[in-house]
Amino acid sequence: MNGSWAKLYSKNGLAAKQIAGKLVYLEVGQRIPRVIDFVHEFSMGRGTVQDALKLLEEMKAVHLEAKGHLGTFILKMDTQKLLEIAGIGPLIGVMPLPYSRKYEGLATGLVEGFEHQHIRANLAYMRGAAQRVDALKSGRYDFVLLSRMAAERALEERQGLEIVYSFGEETYVSGHDIFFHDPNVRKIESGMRVGIDRTSPDQFLLTEYECEGVDVTFTDVNYMQLFEMLKSGELDAAVWNKDEGRVMTQLNHATFHSQKANELSKKVSEAALMIEKDQIETKHRIMQLGLQQTTDIQRKVEQGFMHPRY
């Protein structure tokens, strides 16, 4: 074990861990708390605080500059190293299954974006925005990716959530259409069996809006089963996104007739990143993600100029 890291198990090292957990929230150029502030907050001696700060500098986690009565300021900082010293693990996010180039691009953009900022992050995959929000609230994940519409609905229904980023139109899906079993049909008609996935707020609401005033039978299905059920004739119609190539080429499809569905589809097309509101440290790390860089990488993956990596 490196000598400096071994020192973390000493009295000064334990103090350095606590102080690192405070400094990680600051930015280069900011003034750090006074020694006396750390003394009171962590119930430790002045000498211990001073030795802990020296240890953090020795480990190259921070480079500090004292400016007399003005205080001590951060000249350089290694956020990743501070996180490791503080014992703060990697971010873990959850997003939809990457079955389309759009999702592969978004996953790649996030992975590369965090790496660019030297932030450790891992992605997991789960179908259903409702399930992903539940997993966030249960503490299994630090952040979730979902549509802006689903995120805004979650804000209305659940306490303590916050949208950190909205990525712009067509970053979640390119759009939705109505897909049909019959190659000659152009709209949803009375008597049809229409597939609906109640775990997907996007698909669920778009389907309800498009079917308003039409006497149809809703069939509860898993979103990933829609294609096969439409092909086999078990369903007559279903709302699905336009990013999966086999759906667009093998099934008859048409645009929405409902104005409400058309308006909603714009919100549904935009990706959003959501966290629990009280997770300040998580938000601090995520805010270092370059939004433009993430969407640029997504487009490169979609257009075939870059291989997906997630």
Protein backbone atom coordinates (compact mmCIF):
# COMPACT_ATOMS: atom_id res chain seq x y z
CA MET A 1 0.00 0.00 0.00
CA ASN A 2 1.26 3.48 -0.89
CA GLY A 3 2.63 5.28 2.18
CA SER A 4 0.22 8.20 1.93
CA TRP A 5 -2.79 5.91 1.59
CA ALA A 6 -1.58 3.88 4.59
CA LYS A 7 -1.69 7.09 6.64
CA LEU A 8 -5.46 7.23 6.15
CA TYR A 9 -5.74 4.62 8.91
CA SER A 10 -4.07 6.95 11.41
CA LYS A 11 -5.79 9.62 13.51
CA ASN A 12 -4.84 12.28 10.97
CA GLY A 13 -6.00 10.01 8.16
CA LEU A 14 -9.46 9.60 9.64
CA ALA A 15 -9.65 13.38 9.93
CA ALA A 16 -8.53 13.67 6.29
CA LYS A 17 -11.41 11.39 5.25
CA GLN A 18 -13.94 13.64 6.97
CA ILE A 19 -12.43 16.81 5.55
CA ALA A 20 -12.25 15.28 2.05
CA GLY A 21 -15.99 14.67 2.30
CA LYS A 22 -16.47 18.43 2.76
CA LEU A 23 -13.96 19.63 0.16
CA VAL A 24 -15.46 17.48 -2.59
CA TYR A 25 -18.46 19.85 -2.70
CA LEU A 26 -16.26 22.86 -3.43
CA GLU A 27 -14.82 24.12 -6.71
CA VAL A 28 -11.37 25.30 -7.75
CA GLY A 29 -10.99 28.93 -6.67
CA GLN A 30 -13.31 28.62 -3.67
CA ARG A 31 -12.25 29.30 -0.10
CA ILE A 32 -12.26 26.27 2.18
CA PRO A 33 -13.71 26.39 5.72
CA ARG A 34 -11.39 27.77 8.40
CA VAL A 35 -9.41 25.40 10.59
CA ILE A 36 -11.59 26.42 13.55
CA ASP A 37 -14.70 25.50 11.51
CA PHE A 38 -13.39 21.96 11.01
CA VAL A 39 -12.42 21.81 14.70
CA HIS A 40 -16.00 22.57 15.78
CA GLU A 41 -17.73 20.46 13.12
CA PHE A 42 -15.69 17.29 13.62
CA SER A 43 -14.66 17.74 17.28
CA MET A 44 -10.94 17.46 16.58
CA GLY A 45 -7.87 19.49 17.51
CA ARG A 46 -6.36 22.28 15.43
CA GLY A 47 -3.18 20.29 14.92
CA THR A 48 -5.15 17.29 13.67
CA VAL A 49 -7.00 19.47 11.14
CA GLN A 50 -3.77 21.05 9.91
CA ASP A 51 -2.06 17.65 9.57
CA ALA A 52 -5.11 16.25 7.75
CA LEU A 53 -5.01 19.09 5.22
CA LYS A 54 -1.28 18.50 4.70
CA LEU A 55 -1.99 14.80 4.09
CA LEU A 56 -4.61 15.64 1.45
CA GLU A 57 -2.06 17.84 -0.29
CA GLU A 58 0.61 15.15 0.00
CA MET A 59 -1.80 12.72 -1.69
CA LYS A 60 -2.36 15.32 -4.43
CA ALA A 61 -6.10 15.36 -3.73
CA VAL A 62 -5.97 19.15 -3.38
CA HIS A 63 -3.49 21.97 -3.80
CA LEU A 64 -4.24 24.79 -1.38
CA GLU A 65 -3.05 28.39 -1.18
CA ALA A 66 -3.16 30.43 2.03
CA LYS A 67 -3.96 34.11 1.52
CA GLY A 68 -3.54 35.45 5.03
CA HIS A 69 -6.66 36.97 6.56
CA LEU A 70 -8.61 36.19 3.36
CA GLY A 71 -8.42 32.47 4.11
CA THR A 72 -7.20 29.37 2.26
CA PHE A 73 -8.28 28.68 -1.32
CA ILE A 74 -8.32 25.65 -3.63
CA LEU A 75 -5.86 26.01 -6.52
CA LYS A 76 -6.31 22.46 -7.85
CA MET A 77 -8.41 19.48 -6.85
CA ASP A 78 -8.74 15.86 -7.89
CA THR A 79 -12.44 15.18 -7.34
CA GLN A 80 -12.09 11.45 -7.92
CA LYS A 81 -9.29 11.14 -5.38
CA LEU A 82 -11.23 13.16 -2.81
CA LEU A 83 -14.21 10.85 -3.32
CA GLU A 84 -12.01 7.78 -2.82
CA ILE A 85 -10.43 9.23 0.32
CA ALA A 86 -13.87 10.15 1.69
CA GLY A 87 -15.09 6.60 1.01
CA ILE A 88 -17.76 7.75 -1.44
CA GLY A 89 -18.36 5.02 -4.03
CA PRO A 90 -19.12 5.28 -7.76
CA LEU A 91 -22.39 6.67 -9.04
CA ILE A 92 -24.84 4.00 -10.15
CA GLY A 93 -27.57 4.97 -12.60
CA VAL A 94 -30.39 3.06 -14.24
CA MET A 95 -31.89 3.59 -17.69
CA PRO A 96 -34.03 1.70 -20.23
CA LEU A 97 -32.71 -1.46 -21.87
CA PRO A 98 -30.40 -0.28 -24.70
CA TYR A 99 -32.35 -1.96 -27.51
CA SER A 100 -32.10 1.01 -29.88
CA ARG A 101 -29.24 3.10 -31.25
CA LYS A 102 -30.78 6.07 -29.45
CA TYR A 103 -30.40 4.39 -26.05
CA GLU A 104 -26.97 2.98 -26.93
CA GLY A 105 -25.87 6.50 -27.81
CA LEU A 106 -27.27 7.95 -24.59
CA ALA A 107 -25.56 5.26 -22.50
CA THR A 108 -22.26 5.84 -24.32
CA GLY A 109 -22.57 9.61 -23.86
CA LEU A 110 -23.08 9.21 -20.12
CA VAL A 111 -20.23 6.72 -19.67
CA GLU A 112 -17.78 8.81 -21.71
CA GLY A 113 -18.97 12.06 -20.13
CA PHE A 114 -18.37 10.85 -16.59
CA GLU A 115 -15.01 9.38 -17.57
CA HIS A 116 -14.00 12.72 -19.07
CA GLN A 117 -14.65 14.32 -15.68
CA HIS A 118 -12.80 11.48 -13.87
CA ILE A 119 -16.00 10.45 -12.12
CA ARG A 120 -16.61 6.75 -11.55
CA ALA A 121 -20.07 5.73 -12.71
CA ASN A 122 -21.84 2.51 -13.66
CA LEU A 123 -25.09 1.95 -15.52
CA ALA A 124 -27.76 -0.68 -14.97
CA TYR A 125 -30.75 -1.33 -17.22
CA MET A 126 -34.41 -1.80 -16.32
CA ARG A 127 -37.61 -1.59 -18.32
CA GLY A 128 -40.45 0.63 -17.09
CA ALA A 129 -40.04 4.21 -15.87
CA ALA A 130 -42.22 3.48 -12.83
CA GLN A 131 -39.94 0.62 -11.77
CA ARG A 132 -36.86 2.79 -12.26
CA VAL A 133 -38.29 5.56 -10.06
CA ASP A 134 -39.20 2.97 -7.39
CA ALA A 135 -35.62 1.67 -7.51
CA LEU A 136 -34.29 5.22 -7.09
CA LYS A 137 -36.54 5.85 -4.09
CA SER A 138 -35.48 2.55 -2.50
CA GLY A 139 -31.84 3.64 -2.63
CA ARG A 140 -30.67 1.06 -5.16
CA TYR A 141 -29.55 3.73 -7.64
CA ASP A 142 -28.19 7.28 -7.49
CA PHE A 143 -29.92 8.53 -10.64
CA VAL A 144 -32.43 7.41 -13.26
CA LEU A 145 -32.90 8.16 -16.95
CA LEU A 146 -36.46 8.49 -18.23
CA SER A 147 -38.50 10.72 -20.50
CA ARG A 148 -39.14 14.31 -19.40
CA MET A 149 -42.85 13.56 -19.36
CA ALA A 150 -42.38 10.57 -17.05
CA ALA A 151 -40.01 12.62 -14.87
CA GLU A 152 -42.50 15.49 -14.52
CA ARG A 153 -45.26 13.05 -13.69
CA ALA A 154 -43.04 11.44 -11.02
CA LEU A 155 -42.45 14.91 -9.51
CA GLU A 156 -46.22 15.35 -9.19
CA GLU A 157 -46.80 11.92 -7.67
CA ARG A 158 -43.74 11.43 -5.45
CA GLN A 159 -42.01 13.59 -2.85
CA GLY A 160 -38.31 14.41 -2.73
CA LEU A 161 -37.33 14.08 -6.40
CA GLU A 162 -35.46 16.51 -8.64
CA ILE A 163 -34.76 16.72 -12.37
CA VAL A 164 -31.07 17.60 -12.76
CA TYR A 165 -30.87 17.56 -16.56
CA SER A 166 -33.23 17.66 -19.53
CA PHE A 167 -31.29 16.68 -22.64
CA GLY A 168 -33.46 18.21 -25.39
CA GLU A 169 -35.99 16.85 -27.89
CA GLU A 170 -35.33 13.48 -29.53
CA THR A 171 -32.66 12.48 -27.02
CA TYR A 172 -34.88 9.77 -25.47
CA VAL A 173 -36.78 8.59 -28.54
CA SER A 174 -37.14 9.97 -32.07
CA GLY A 175 -40.90 9.90 -31.65
CA HIS A 176 -43.85 7.52 -31.48
CA ASP A 177 -46.27 6.16 -34.05
CA ILE A 178 -49.26 3.83 -34.03
CA PHE A 179 -48.36 0.39 -35.39
CA PHE A 180 -50.93 -2.00 -36.88
CA HIS A 181 -51.27 -5.69 -37.64
CA ASP A 182 -53.35 -4.94 -40.75
CA PRO A 183 -51.19 -3.38 -43.50
CA ASN A 184 -54.16 -1.35 -44.81
CA VAL A 185 -55.31 0.36 -41.60
CA ARG A 186 -54.36 4.01 -40.92
CA LYS A 187 -55.99 4.76 -37.55
CA ILE A 188 -57.32 3.11 -34.41
CA GLU A 189 -60.92 2.00 -34.90
CA SER A 190 -63.73 0.66 -32.70
CA GLY A 191 -63.43 -3.02 -31.84
CA MET A 192 -59.63 -3.10 -32.01
CA ARG A 193 -57.44 -4.84 -29.43
CA VAL A 194 -54.87 -2.23 -28.42
CA GLY A 195 -51.69 -3.06 -26.49
CA ILE A 196 -50.97 -0.98 -23.40
CA ASP A 197 -48.07 -1.14 -20.92
CA ARG A 198 -49.11 0.50 -17.65
CA THR A 199 -45.54 0.42 -16.30
CA SER A 200 -44.50 2.84 -19.07
CA PRO A 201 -46.09 6.26 -18.44
CA ASP A 202 -45.11 7.37 -21.96
CA GLN A 203 -46.74 4.51 -23.84
CA PHE A 204 -49.69 4.37 -21.45
CA LEU A 205 -50.69 8.05 -21.77
CA LEU A 206 -50.06 8.27 -25.52
CA THR A 207 -52.26 5.20 -25.99
CA GLU A 208 -55.04 6.60 -23.79
CA TYR A 209 -55.03 9.96 -25.60
CA GLU A 210 -55.09 8.38 -29.05
CA CYS A 211 -57.94 6.04 -28.08
CA GLU A 212 -60.18 8.68 -26.45
CA GLY A 213 -63.73 8.34 -27.75
CA VAL A 214 -63.00 5.06 -29.54
CA ASP A 215 -64.49 1.77 -28.26
CA VAL A 216 -61.39 -0.43 -28.03
CA THR A 217 -60.25 -3.29 -25.81
CA PHE A 218 -57.02 -2.59 -23.95
CA THR A 219 -54.71 -5.58 -23.61
CA ASP A 220 -52.07 -5.31 -20.88
CA VAL A 221 -48.68 -6.26 -22.28
CA ASN A 222 -44.97 -5.93 -21.65
CA TYR A 223 -43.64 -3.18 -23.93
CA MET A 224 -40.99 -5.53 -25.33
CA GLN A 225 -43.70 -8.01 -26.46
CA LEU A 226 -45.61 -5.55 -28.63
CA PHE A 227 -43.78 -6.35 -31.86
CA GLU A 228 -44.39 -10.11 -31.77
CA MET A 229 -48.01 -9.68 -30.65
CA LEU A 230 -48.71 -7.25 -33.49
CA LYS A 231 -47.09 -9.53 -36.04
CA SER A 232 -49.01 -12.59 -34.83
CA GLY A 233 -52.33 -10.75 -34.78
CA GLU A 234 -52.85 -11.00 -31.02
CA LEU A 235 -53.02 -7.20 -31.10
CA ASP A 236 -54.57 -4.97 -33.75
CA ALA A 237 -52.71 -1.80 -32.80
CA ALA A 238 -50.16 -0.41 -30.36
CA VAL A 239 -48.21 2.79 -29.77
CA TRP A 240 -44.46 2.24 -30.06
CA ASN A 241 -41.37 4.36 -30.53
CA LYS A 242 -39.80 4.76 -33.98
CA ASP A 243 -36.22 3.93 -33.06
CA GLU A 244 -36.30 0.17 -33.56
CA GLY A 245 -35.60 -0.62 -37.20
CA ARG A 246 -37.48 -3.91 -37.46
CA VAL A 247 -40.69 -2.26 -36.28
CA MET A 248 -40.51 0.51 -38.85
CA THR A 249 -39.75 -1.84 -41.75
CA GLN A 250 -41.97 -4.81 -40.92
CA LEU A 251 -45.16 -3.21 -39.60
CA ASN A 252 -47.67 -0.74 -41.01
CA HIS A 253 -47.64 2.48 -39.01
CA ALA A 254 -49.24 5.92 -38.97
CA THR A 255 -48.96 9.21 -37.10
CA PHE A 256 -51.24 10.23 -34.24
CA HIS A 257 -54.68 11.67 -34.97
CA SER A 258 -55.12 13.03 -31.44
CA GLN A 259 -53.80 16.56 -30.85
CA LYS A 260 -53.17 15.70 -27.19
CA ALA A 261 -51.07 12.70 -28.20
CA ASN A 262 -49.09 14.78 -30.69
CA GLU A 263 -48.32 17.45 -28.06
CA LEU A 264 -47.37 14.88 -25.45
CA SER A 265 -45.05 13.06 -27.84
CA LYS A 266 -42.65 16.05 -27.78
CA LYS A 267 -42.16 15.72 -24.01
CA VAL A 268 -41.87 11.97 -24.36
CA SER A 269 -39.03 12.36 -26.88
CA GLU A 270 -36.78 14.20 -24.40
CA ALA A 271 -34.48 12.38 -21.97
CA ALA A 272 -34.29 13.57 -18.36
CA LEU A 273 -31.97 12.65 -15.50
CA MET A 274 -33.55 12.50 -12.05
CA ILE A 275 -32.16 12.11 -8.53
CA GLU A 276 -33.45 12.25 -4.98
CA LYS A 277 -33.53 15.90 -3.95
CA ASP A 278 -31.58 15.51 -0.70
CA GLN A 279 -28.60 13.80 -2.37
CA ILE A 280 -26.40 16.91 -2.57
CA GLU A 281 -23.14 15.03 -3.16
CA THR A 282 -24.72 13.03 -6.00
CA LYS A 283 -26.01 16.21 -7.63
CA HIS A 284 -22.59 17.86 -7.30
CA ARG A 285 -20.95 15.02 -9.24
CA ILE A 286 -23.66 14.80 -11.89
CA MET A 287 -23.54 18.55 -12.50
CA GLN A 288 -19.96 18.11 -13.72
CA LEU A 289 -21.28 16.08 -16.66
CA GLY A 290 -21.02 17.99 -19.93
CA LEU A 291 -24.54 18.07 -21.36
CA GLN A 292 -23.46 19.08 -24.87
CA GLN A 293 -20.71 16.48 -24.94
CA THR A 294 -23.17 13.76 -23.89
CA THR A 295 -25.65 14.56 -26.66
CA ASP A 296 -22.87 14.98 -29.24
CA ILE A 297 -21.62 11.47 -28.46
CA GLN A 298 -25.18 10.15 -28.64
CA ARG A 299 -25.57 11.56 -32.16
CA LYS A 300 -22.23 10.10 -33.27
CA VAL A 301 -23.31 6.64 -32.11
CA GLU A 302 -26.69 6.99 -33.82
CA GLN A 303 -25.07 8.06 -37.08
CA GLY A 304 -22.52 5.24 -37.00
CA PHE A 305 -19.48 7.50 -36.53
CA MET A 306 -18.72 6.00 -33.13
CA HIS A 307 -19.07 2.52 -31.64
CA PRO A 308 -21.36 2.25 -28.62
CA ARG A 309 -19.55 1.65 -25.34
CA TYR A 310 -21.44 1.09 -22.15
